[in-house]
N, C-alpha and C. Protein backbone atom coordinates (compact mmCIF):
# COMPACT_ATOMS: atom_id res chain seq x y z
N UNK A 1 93.46 48.87 104.02
CA UNK A 1 92.16 49.35 103.59
C UNK A 1 92.35 50.17 102.32
N UNK A 2 91.51 49.94 101.31
CA UNK A 2 91.62 50.65 100.05
C UNK A 2 91.06 52.06 100.19
N UNK A 3 91.28 52.84 99.15
CA UNK A 3 90.75 54.21 99.11
C UNK A 3 89.25 54.20 99.31
N UNK A 4 88.61 53.13 98.88
CA UNK A 4 87.16 53.03 98.98
C UNK A 4 86.71 52.52 100.35
N UNK A 5 87.67 52.17 101.23
CA UNK A 5 87.31 51.74 102.57
C UNK A 5 86.96 50.27 102.69
N UNK A 6 87.29 49.46 101.70
CA UNK A 6 86.94 48.05 101.72
C UNK A 6 88.21 47.23 101.54
N UNK A 7 88.36 46.19 102.37
CA UNK A 7 89.48 45.26 102.25
C UNK A 7 89.10 44.17 101.25
N UNK A 8 89.58 44.26 100.03
CA UNK A 8 89.31 43.24 99.03
C UNK A 8 90.36 43.36 97.94
N UNK A 9 91.13 42.29 97.69
CA UNK A 9 92.13 42.38 96.64
C UNK A 9 91.52 42.63 95.25
N UNK A 10 90.33 42.10 95.02
CA UNK A 10 89.69 42.31 93.72
C UNK A 10 89.29 43.77 93.57
N UNK A 11 88.64 44.34 94.57
CA UNK A 11 88.25 45.75 94.49
C UNK A 11 89.48 46.65 94.43
N UNK A 12 90.52 46.30 95.15
CA UNK A 12 91.77 47.08 95.12
C UNK A 12 92.31 47.10 93.69
N UNK A 13 92.33 45.94 93.03
CA UNK A 13 92.82 45.88 91.64
C UNK A 13 91.93 46.70 90.71
N UNK A 14 90.63 46.62 90.90
CA UNK A 14 89.70 47.40 90.06
C UNK A 14 89.95 48.89 90.22
N UNK A 15 90.09 49.34 91.47
CA UNK A 15 90.26 50.77 91.71
C UNK A 15 91.66 51.28 91.33
N UNK A 16 92.65 50.41 91.35
CA UNK A 16 94.02 50.84 91.04
C UNK A 16 94.40 50.71 89.57
N UNK A 17 93.76 49.81 88.83
CA UNK A 17 94.13 49.59 87.43
C UNK A 17 93.92 50.84 86.58
N UNK A 18 94.88 51.13 85.75
CA UNK A 18 94.79 52.27 84.83
C UNK A 18 95.18 51.81 83.43
N UNK A 19 94.75 52.54 82.44
CA UNK A 19 95.19 52.28 81.07
C UNK A 19 96.62 52.80 80.94
N UNK A 20 97.53 51.91 80.59
CA UNK A 20 98.95 52.24 80.47
C UNK A 20 99.29 52.35 78.99
N UNK A 21 99.81 53.51 78.62
CA UNK A 21 100.11 53.77 77.20
C UNK A 21 101.60 53.93 76.93
N UNK A 22 102.40 53.94 78.00
CA UNK A 22 103.86 54.08 77.86
C UNK A 22 104.52 52.93 78.61
N UNK A 23 105.44 52.27 77.91
CA UNK A 23 106.04 51.06 78.46
C UNK A 23 107.55 51.18 78.54
N UNK A 24 108.13 50.47 79.51
CA UNK A 24 109.57 50.35 79.58
C UNK A 24 110.05 49.53 78.38
N UNK A 25 111.27 49.75 78.00
CA UNK A 25 111.86 48.97 76.91
C UNK A 25 112.40 47.67 77.50
N UNK A 26 111.49 46.78 77.84
CA UNK A 26 111.84 45.51 78.48
C UNK A 26 110.91 44.42 77.99
N UNK A 27 111.44 43.23 77.82
CA UNK A 27 110.61 42.13 77.38
C UNK A 27 109.64 41.73 78.49
N UNK A 28 108.58 41.07 78.08
CA UNK A 28 107.58 40.57 79.02
C UNK A 28 107.63 39.05 78.96
N UNK A 29 107.75 38.44 80.11
CA UNK A 29 107.82 36.99 80.21
C UNK A 29 106.55 36.38 79.63
N UNK A 30 106.70 35.47 78.68
CA UNK A 30 105.55 34.83 78.03
C UNK A 30 104.66 34.14 79.05
N UNK A 31 105.26 33.56 80.10
CA UNK A 31 104.47 32.87 81.12
C UNK A 31 103.50 33.83 81.83
N UNK A 32 103.91 35.09 82.02
CA UNK A 32 103.00 36.07 82.62
C UNK A 32 101.81 36.32 81.71
N UNK A 33 102.07 36.43 80.41
CA UNK A 33 100.98 36.64 79.45
C UNK A 33 100.05 35.43 79.47
N UNK A 34 100.61 34.24 79.50
CA UNK A 34 99.78 33.03 79.52
C UNK A 34 98.95 32.94 80.80
N UNK A 35 99.51 33.35 81.93
CA UNK A 35 98.73 33.37 83.18
C UNK A 35 97.55 34.33 83.06
N UNK A 36 97.81 35.51 82.50
CA UNK A 36 96.74 36.50 82.34
C UNK A 36 95.67 35.99 81.36
N UNK A 37 96.10 35.34 80.28
CA UNK A 37 95.13 34.80 79.32
C UNK A 37 94.32 33.67 79.94
N UNK A 38 94.94 32.88 80.77
CA UNK A 38 94.20 31.82 81.45
C UNK A 38 93.12 32.43 82.34
N UNK A 39 93.49 33.48 83.07
CA UNK A 39 92.49 34.17 83.91
C UNK A 39 91.38 34.74 83.05
N UNK A 40 91.74 35.37 81.92
CA UNK A 40 90.74 35.95 81.01
C UNK A 40 89.79 34.89 80.49
N UNK A 41 90.31 33.68 80.28
CA UNK A 41 89.47 32.60 79.74
C UNK A 41 88.41 32.13 80.75
N UNK A 42 88.53 32.58 82.00
CA UNK A 42 87.54 32.25 83.03
C UNK A 42 86.44 33.29 83.12
N UNK A 43 86.43 34.27 82.22
CA UNK A 43 85.33 35.24 82.19
C UNK A 43 84.03 34.50 81.89
N UNK A 44 82.91 35.06 82.33
CA UNK A 44 81.63 34.39 82.05
C UNK A 44 81.23 34.51 80.58
N UNK A 45 80.56 33.48 80.10
CA UNK A 45 80.00 33.51 78.74
C UNK A 45 78.73 32.68 78.73
N UNK A 46 77.78 33.09 77.91
CA UNK A 46 76.52 32.37 77.80
C UNK A 46 76.75 30.93 77.35
N UNK A 47 76.12 30.00 78.01
CA UNK A 47 76.27 28.57 77.75
C UNK A 47 77.72 28.11 77.87
N UNK A 48 78.55 28.92 78.53
CA UNK A 48 79.97 28.62 78.67
C UNK A 48 80.62 28.34 77.31
N UNK A 49 80.20 29.10 76.29
CA UNK A 49 80.73 28.87 74.94
C UNK A 49 82.13 29.44 74.72
N UNK A 50 82.58 30.31 75.63
CA UNK A 50 83.94 30.85 75.57
C UNK A 50 84.31 31.30 74.15
N UNK A 51 83.63 32.32 73.63
CA UNK A 51 83.78 32.69 72.22
C UNK A 51 85.03 33.50 71.89
N UNK A 52 85.89 33.77 72.86
CA UNK A 52 87.08 34.59 72.66
C UNK A 52 88.23 33.75 72.12
N UNK A 53 89.06 34.43 71.32
CA UNK A 53 90.30 33.83 70.83
C UNK A 53 91.37 34.92 70.92
N UNK A 54 92.60 34.51 71.12
CA UNK A 54 93.70 35.45 71.33
C UNK A 54 94.83 35.22 70.33
N UNK A 55 95.49 36.28 69.97
CA UNK A 55 96.75 36.20 69.22
C UNK A 55 97.82 36.85 70.10
N UNK A 56 99.04 36.40 69.99
CA UNK A 56 100.16 37.00 70.72
C UNK A 56 101.16 37.51 69.70
N UNK A 57 101.48 38.79 69.81
CA UNK A 57 102.37 39.41 68.83
C UNK A 57 103.52 40.11 69.55
N UNK A 58 104.72 39.66 69.20
CA UNK A 58 105.93 40.30 69.72
C UNK A 58 106.82 40.78 68.56
N UNK A 59 106.55 40.31 67.38
CA UNK A 59 107.37 40.61 66.21
C UNK A 59 107.25 42.10 65.83
N UNK A 60 108.38 42.83 65.79
CA UNK A 60 108.32 44.27 65.46
C UNK A 60 107.71 44.59 64.10
N UNK A 61 107.94 43.73 63.11
CA UNK A 61 107.37 43.99 61.78
C UNK A 61 105.85 43.88 61.80
N UNK A 62 105.33 42.90 62.52
CA UNK A 62 103.87 42.74 62.61
C UNK A 62 103.29 43.91 63.41
N UNK A 63 103.95 44.30 64.49
CA UNK A 63 103.47 45.46 65.27
C UNK A 63 103.47 46.72 64.42
N UNK A 64 104.47 46.87 63.58
CA UNK A 64 104.54 48.03 62.66
C UNK A 64 103.34 48.03 61.71
N UNK A 65 103.03 46.87 61.14
CA UNK A 65 101.91 46.76 60.20
C UNK A 65 100.58 47.06 60.91
N UNK A 66 100.41 46.53 62.11
CA UNK A 66 99.17 46.81 62.85
C UNK A 66 99.11 48.27 63.26
N UNK A 67 100.24 48.82 63.64
CA UNK A 67 100.29 50.23 64.04
C UNK A 67 99.84 51.16 62.92
N UNK A 68 100.11 50.76 61.69
CA UNK A 68 99.71 51.58 60.54
C UNK A 68 98.19 51.65 60.37
N UNK A 69 97.46 50.80 61.10
CA UNK A 69 96.00 50.74 60.96
C UNK A 69 95.26 51.58 62.00
N UNK A 70 96.00 52.32 62.84
CA UNK A 70 95.36 53.07 63.90
C UNK A 70 96.13 54.35 64.20
N UNK A 71 95.42 55.32 64.71
CA UNK A 71 96.09 56.56 65.11
C UNK A 71 96.91 56.35 66.39
N UNK A 72 96.77 55.19 67.02
CA UNK A 72 97.54 54.86 68.22
C UNK A 72 98.75 54.00 67.88
N UNK A 73 99.33 54.25 66.72
CA UNK A 73 100.45 53.43 66.24
C UNK A 73 101.63 53.45 67.20
N UNK A 74 101.91 54.57 67.82
CA UNK A 74 103.04 54.65 68.74
C UNK A 74 102.88 53.67 69.89
N UNK A 75 101.68 53.53 70.40
CA UNK A 75 101.43 52.60 71.50
C UNK A 75 101.64 51.17 71.02
N UNK A 76 101.09 50.82 69.87
CA UNK A 76 101.20 49.45 69.37
C UNK A 76 102.65 49.09 69.05
N UNK A 77 103.38 50.03 68.48
CA UNK A 77 104.77 49.74 68.12
C UNK A 77 105.68 49.68 69.34
N UNK A 78 105.37 50.42 70.39
CA UNK A 78 106.26 50.46 71.56
C UNK A 78 105.95 49.39 72.59
N UNK A 79 104.77 48.82 72.55
CA UNK A 79 104.41 47.77 73.52
C UNK A 79 105.19 46.50 73.21
N UNK A 80 105.77 45.88 74.22
CA UNK A 80 106.50 44.63 73.98
C UNK A 80 105.61 43.50 73.44
N UNK A 81 104.34 43.49 73.84
CA UNK A 81 103.43 42.43 73.42
C UNK A 81 102.08 43.06 73.03
N UNK A 82 101.52 42.57 71.94
CA UNK A 82 100.15 42.92 71.57
C UNK A 82 99.30 41.66 71.67
N UNK A 83 98.11 41.83 72.22
CA UNK A 83 97.18 40.71 72.32
C UNK A 83 95.88 41.10 71.62
N UNK A 84 95.78 40.82 70.31
CA UNK A 84 94.48 41.00 69.66
C UNK A 84 93.50 39.97 70.22
N UNK A 85 92.29 40.43 70.50
CA UNK A 85 91.25 39.57 71.05
C UNK A 85 90.11 39.53 70.04
N UNK A 86 89.68 38.31 69.73
CA UNK A 86 88.70 38.09 68.68
C UNK A 86 87.46 37.39 69.23
N UNK A 87 86.34 37.63 68.57
CA UNK A 87 85.12 36.85 68.76
C UNK A 87 85.15 35.78 67.67
N UNK A 88 85.05 34.51 68.07
CA UNK A 88 84.97 33.42 67.11
C UNK A 88 83.49 33.23 66.76
N UNK A 89 83.11 33.72 65.60
CA UNK A 89 81.70 33.69 65.21
C UNK A 89 81.16 32.27 65.05
N UNK A 90 82.01 31.30 64.84
CA UNK A 90 81.55 29.91 64.77
C UNK A 90 81.20 29.37 66.15
N UNK A 91 81.78 29.95 67.20
CA UNK A 91 81.46 29.54 68.58
C UNK A 91 80.30 30.34 69.14
N UNK A 92 79.85 31.34 68.41
CA UNK A 92 78.82 32.26 68.88
C UNK A 92 77.42 31.66 68.76
N UNK A 93 76.59 31.98 69.75
CA UNK A 93 75.18 31.57 69.64
C UNK A 93 74.24 32.76 69.77
N UNK A 94 74.70 33.85 70.35
CA UNK A 94 73.90 35.07 70.47
C UNK A 94 74.88 36.24 70.42
N UNK A 95 74.83 37.02 69.35
CA UNK A 95 75.85 38.05 69.13
C UNK A 95 75.98 39.02 70.30
N UNK A 96 74.87 39.51 70.80
CA UNK A 96 74.94 40.48 71.90
C UNK A 96 75.60 39.85 73.13
N UNK A 97 75.13 38.68 73.52
CA UNK A 97 75.71 38.02 74.69
C UNK A 97 77.19 37.71 74.48
N UNK A 98 77.54 37.30 73.26
CA UNK A 98 78.93 36.94 73.00
C UNK A 98 79.84 38.16 72.97
N UNK A 99 79.35 39.27 72.46
CA UNK A 99 80.13 40.52 72.52
C UNK A 99 80.32 40.95 73.98
N UNK A 100 79.27 40.81 74.78
CA UNK A 100 79.39 41.12 76.21
C UNK A 100 80.40 40.19 76.87
N UNK A 101 80.39 38.92 76.50
CA UNK A 101 81.34 37.96 77.06
C UNK A 101 82.78 38.35 76.72
N UNK A 102 83.01 38.75 75.48
CA UNK A 102 84.35 39.17 75.09
C UNK A 102 84.75 40.43 75.87
N UNK A 103 83.81 41.34 76.09
CA UNK A 103 84.10 42.52 76.91
C UNK A 103 84.49 42.13 78.33
N UNK A 104 83.79 41.16 78.88
CA UNK A 104 84.13 40.66 80.21
C UNK A 104 85.51 40.01 80.20
N UNK A 105 85.80 39.27 79.16
CA UNK A 105 87.11 38.64 79.00
C UNK A 105 88.21 39.71 78.94
N UNK A 106 87.97 40.78 78.20
CA UNK A 106 88.94 41.87 78.09
C UNK A 106 89.19 42.53 79.45
N UNK A 107 88.13 42.80 80.19
CA UNK A 107 88.29 43.41 81.51
C UNK A 107 89.04 42.47 82.45
N UNK A 108 88.72 41.18 82.39
CA UNK A 108 89.42 40.21 83.22
C UNK A 108 90.90 40.17 82.84
N UNK A 109 91.20 40.23 81.54
CA UNK A 109 92.58 40.25 81.07
C UNK A 109 93.31 41.47 81.62
N UNK A 110 92.69 42.64 81.54
CA UNK A 110 93.32 43.87 82.03
C UNK A 110 93.61 43.78 83.54
N UNK A 111 92.65 43.26 84.29
CA UNK A 111 92.85 43.12 85.73
C UNK A 111 93.93 42.09 86.05
N UNK A 112 93.95 40.99 85.32
CA UNK A 112 94.98 39.98 85.54
C UNK A 112 96.36 40.54 85.23
N UNK A 113 96.50 41.25 84.13
CA UNK A 113 97.79 41.86 83.78
C UNK A 113 98.23 42.82 84.88
N UNK A 114 97.30 43.64 85.35
CA UNK A 114 97.61 44.59 86.43
C UNK A 114 98.08 43.84 87.68
N UNK A 115 97.39 42.76 88.02
CA UNK A 115 97.75 42.01 89.23
C UNK A 115 99.12 41.36 89.12
N UNK A 116 99.59 41.15 87.89
CA UNK A 116 100.91 40.56 87.66
C UNK A 116 102.00 41.62 87.51
N UNK A 117 101.64 42.89 87.75
CA UNK A 117 102.61 43.97 87.69
C UNK A 117 102.84 44.53 86.30
N UNK A 118 102.00 44.14 85.36
CA UNK A 118 102.12 44.64 83.99
C UNK A 118 101.12 45.76 83.76
N UNK A 119 101.36 46.53 82.72
CA UNK A 119 100.43 47.57 82.33
C UNK A 119 99.85 47.23 80.97
N UNK A 120 98.66 47.73 80.71
CA UNK A 120 98.01 47.44 79.43
C UNK A 120 96.98 48.51 79.11
N UNK A 121 96.67 48.59 77.83
CA UNK A 121 95.60 49.47 77.38
C UNK A 121 94.82 48.74 76.29
N UNK A 122 93.51 48.92 76.34
CA UNK A 122 92.57 48.31 75.40
C UNK A 122 92.40 49.29 74.26
N UNK A 123 92.83 48.90 73.05
CA UNK A 123 92.71 49.75 71.87
C UNK A 123 91.53 49.26 71.04
N UNK A 124 90.53 50.11 70.89
CA UNK A 124 89.36 49.76 70.11
C UNK A 124 89.30 50.51 68.79
N UNK A 125 90.02 51.60 68.68
CA UNK A 125 89.96 52.44 67.48
C UNK A 125 90.41 51.69 66.23
N UNK A 126 91.22 50.66 66.41
CA UNK A 126 91.72 49.86 65.29
C UNK A 126 90.60 49.04 64.63
N UNK A 127 89.45 48.94 65.30
CA UNK A 127 88.35 48.14 64.75
C UNK A 127 87.89 48.62 63.38
N UNK A 128 88.14 49.87 63.05
CA UNK A 128 87.78 50.38 61.73
C UNK A 128 88.53 49.63 60.63
N UNK A 129 89.60 48.93 61.00
CA UNK A 129 90.40 48.17 60.05
C UNK A 129 90.49 46.69 60.44
N UNK A 130 89.43 46.17 61.05
CA UNK A 130 89.51 44.80 61.56
C UNK A 130 89.74 43.76 60.47
N UNK A 131 89.25 43.99 59.26
CA UNK A 131 89.49 43.03 58.19
C UNK A 131 90.96 43.01 57.80
N UNK A 132 91.59 44.18 57.82
CA UNK A 132 93.03 44.25 57.49
C UNK A 132 93.87 43.55 58.56
N UNK A 133 93.43 43.59 59.80
CA UNK A 133 94.15 42.88 60.86
C UNK A 133 94.13 41.38 60.56
N UNK A 134 92.97 40.86 60.16
CA UNK A 134 92.88 39.44 59.79
C UNK A 134 93.83 39.11 58.64
N UNK A 135 93.90 39.98 57.66
CA UNK A 135 94.80 39.76 56.52
C UNK A 135 96.25 39.71 56.96
N UNK A 136 96.65 40.68 57.78
CA UNK A 136 98.04 40.75 58.24
C UNK A 136 98.41 39.49 59.03
N UNK A 137 97.50 39.05 59.89
CA UNK A 137 97.77 37.88 60.73
C UNK A 137 97.43 36.56 60.04
N UNK A 138 96.87 36.65 58.82
CA UNK A 138 96.48 35.46 58.05
C UNK A 138 95.55 34.56 58.86
N UNK A 139 94.51 35.19 59.43
CA UNK A 139 93.53 34.47 60.24
C UNK A 139 92.23 34.32 59.47
N UNK A 140 91.42 33.32 59.78
CA UNK A 140 90.16 33.09 59.05
C UNK A 140 89.11 34.16 59.33
N UNK A 141 88.21 34.33 58.37
CA UNK A 141 87.17 35.36 58.46
C UNK A 141 86.17 35.12 59.58
N UNK A 142 86.09 33.92 60.11
CA UNK A 142 85.15 33.64 61.20
C UNK A 142 85.55 34.40 62.47
N UNK A 143 86.80 34.86 62.54
CA UNK A 143 87.27 35.62 63.69
C UNK A 143 87.01 37.10 63.46
N UNK A 144 86.43 37.75 64.45
CA UNK A 144 86.12 39.17 64.37
C UNK A 144 86.88 39.91 65.46
N UNK A 145 87.74 40.82 65.05
CA UNK A 145 88.52 41.58 66.02
C UNK A 145 87.62 42.39 66.94
N UNK A 146 87.85 42.28 68.24
CA UNK A 146 87.10 43.03 69.24
C UNK A 146 87.95 44.12 69.88
N UNK A 147 89.27 43.91 69.96
CA UNK A 147 90.19 44.89 70.54
C UNK A 147 91.61 44.38 70.37
N UNK A 148 92.56 45.29 70.50
CA UNK A 148 93.97 44.92 70.63
C UNK A 148 94.42 45.45 71.98
N UNK A 149 94.99 44.57 72.80
CA UNK A 149 95.50 44.97 74.11
C UNK A 149 97.01 45.08 73.99
N UNK A 150 97.52 46.29 74.25
CA UNK A 150 98.97 46.53 74.26
C UNK A 150 99.45 46.29 75.69
N UNK A 151 100.53 45.50 75.83
CA UNK A 151 100.99 45.05 77.14
C UNK A 151 102.48 45.30 77.31
N UNK A 152 102.86 45.70 78.51
CA UNK A 152 104.27 45.85 78.84
C UNK A 152 104.45 46.24 80.29
N UNK A 153 105.70 46.46 80.65
CA UNK A 153 105.98 46.96 81.99
C UNK A 153 105.73 48.47 81.97
N UNK A 154 104.91 48.98 82.89
CA UNK A 154 104.57 50.41 82.86
C UNK A 154 105.79 51.31 83.00
N UNK A 155 105.88 52.33 82.16
CA UNK A 155 106.94 53.32 82.27
C UNK A 155 106.66 54.27 83.42
N UNK A 156 105.38 54.46 83.74
CA UNK A 156 104.97 55.35 84.83
C UNK A 156 104.01 54.60 85.72
N UNK A 157 104.07 54.87 86.99
CA UNK A 157 103.15 54.22 87.93
C UNK A 157 102.39 55.29 88.70
N UNK A 158 101.39 54.85 89.41
CA UNK A 158 100.58 55.73 90.26
C UNK A 158 99.85 56.80 89.47
N UNK A 159 99.34 56.44 88.29
CA UNK A 159 98.52 57.38 87.54
C UNK A 159 97.21 57.60 88.29
N UNK A 160 96.63 58.74 88.08
CA UNK A 160 95.34 59.02 88.72
C UNK A 160 94.25 59.07 87.68
N UNK A 161 93.04 58.93 88.14
CA UNK A 161 91.88 59.02 87.28
C UNK A 161 90.71 59.44 88.15
N UNK A 162 89.59 59.68 87.55
CA UNK A 162 88.40 60.03 88.33
C UNK A 162 87.18 59.39 87.68
N UNK A 163 86.16 59.27 88.44
CA UNK A 163 84.89 58.75 87.94
C UNK A 163 83.79 59.65 88.45
N UNK A 164 82.69 59.65 87.73
CA UNK A 164 81.52 60.39 88.17
C UNK A 164 81.02 59.78 89.48
N UNK A 165 80.43 60.59 90.34
CA UNK A 165 79.83 60.02 91.56
C UNK A 165 78.76 58.99 91.17
N UNK A 166 78.71 57.91 91.90
CA UNK A 166 77.77 56.83 91.58
C UNK A 166 76.33 57.33 91.55
N UNK A 167 76.02 58.34 92.36
CA UNK A 167 74.67 58.89 92.37
C UNK A 167 74.26 59.46 91.01
N UNK A 168 75.24 59.97 90.24
CA UNK A 168 74.93 60.47 88.91
C UNK A 168 74.68 59.36 87.90
N UNK A 169 75.11 58.16 88.20
CA UNK A 169 75.02 57.06 87.26
C UNK A 169 73.82 56.16 87.49
N UNK A 170 73.26 56.20 88.70
CA UNK A 170 72.07 55.39 89.00
C UNK A 170 70.85 56.13 88.45
N UNK A 171 70.15 55.50 87.52
CA UNK A 171 69.02 56.17 86.88
C UNK A 171 67.67 55.73 87.47
N UNK A 172 67.66 54.65 88.26
CA UNK A 172 66.43 54.19 88.88
C UNK A 172 66.81 53.43 90.14
N UNK A 173 66.15 53.75 91.25
CA UNK A 173 66.46 53.10 92.52
C UNK A 173 65.21 53.09 93.37
N UNK A 174 64.43 52.02 93.28
CA UNK A 174 63.18 51.96 94.03
C UNK A 174 62.94 50.56 94.50
């Protein structure tokens, strides 16, 4: 039984997943990343347009260049794998819905990585330099950076967190 009193592997993963910012100095099996990306690709999207695209970065020089674009450079440089996630504007039909779909894809990716024993953190602060990310990766302008997910084996486990009581978050219930 989970802390929340419900037997559900999905809810257990949701309640246990944490943002991991410190990683062991160990490689991550590419097949694990591909499994997590496959799961992420099953996130819902309007008209099933699947507007997300992924890059996989393990090269230290590329991680160094991306790290220079954010105040979270230490995280990006120390993570064994970076997964920039993009919105493909050519696949888009409604910007709001497609941004929501990419958000769902990101959450699914984080949960999948957690379920595979990996740790990850969603870095959004780098978006202030999203055009420079495209330049560094030599990607077309139709791709719009939505986040960079730093992935690795967690250096620390059993982190704690808290959330506001659900009663504070419900604004209408009738």
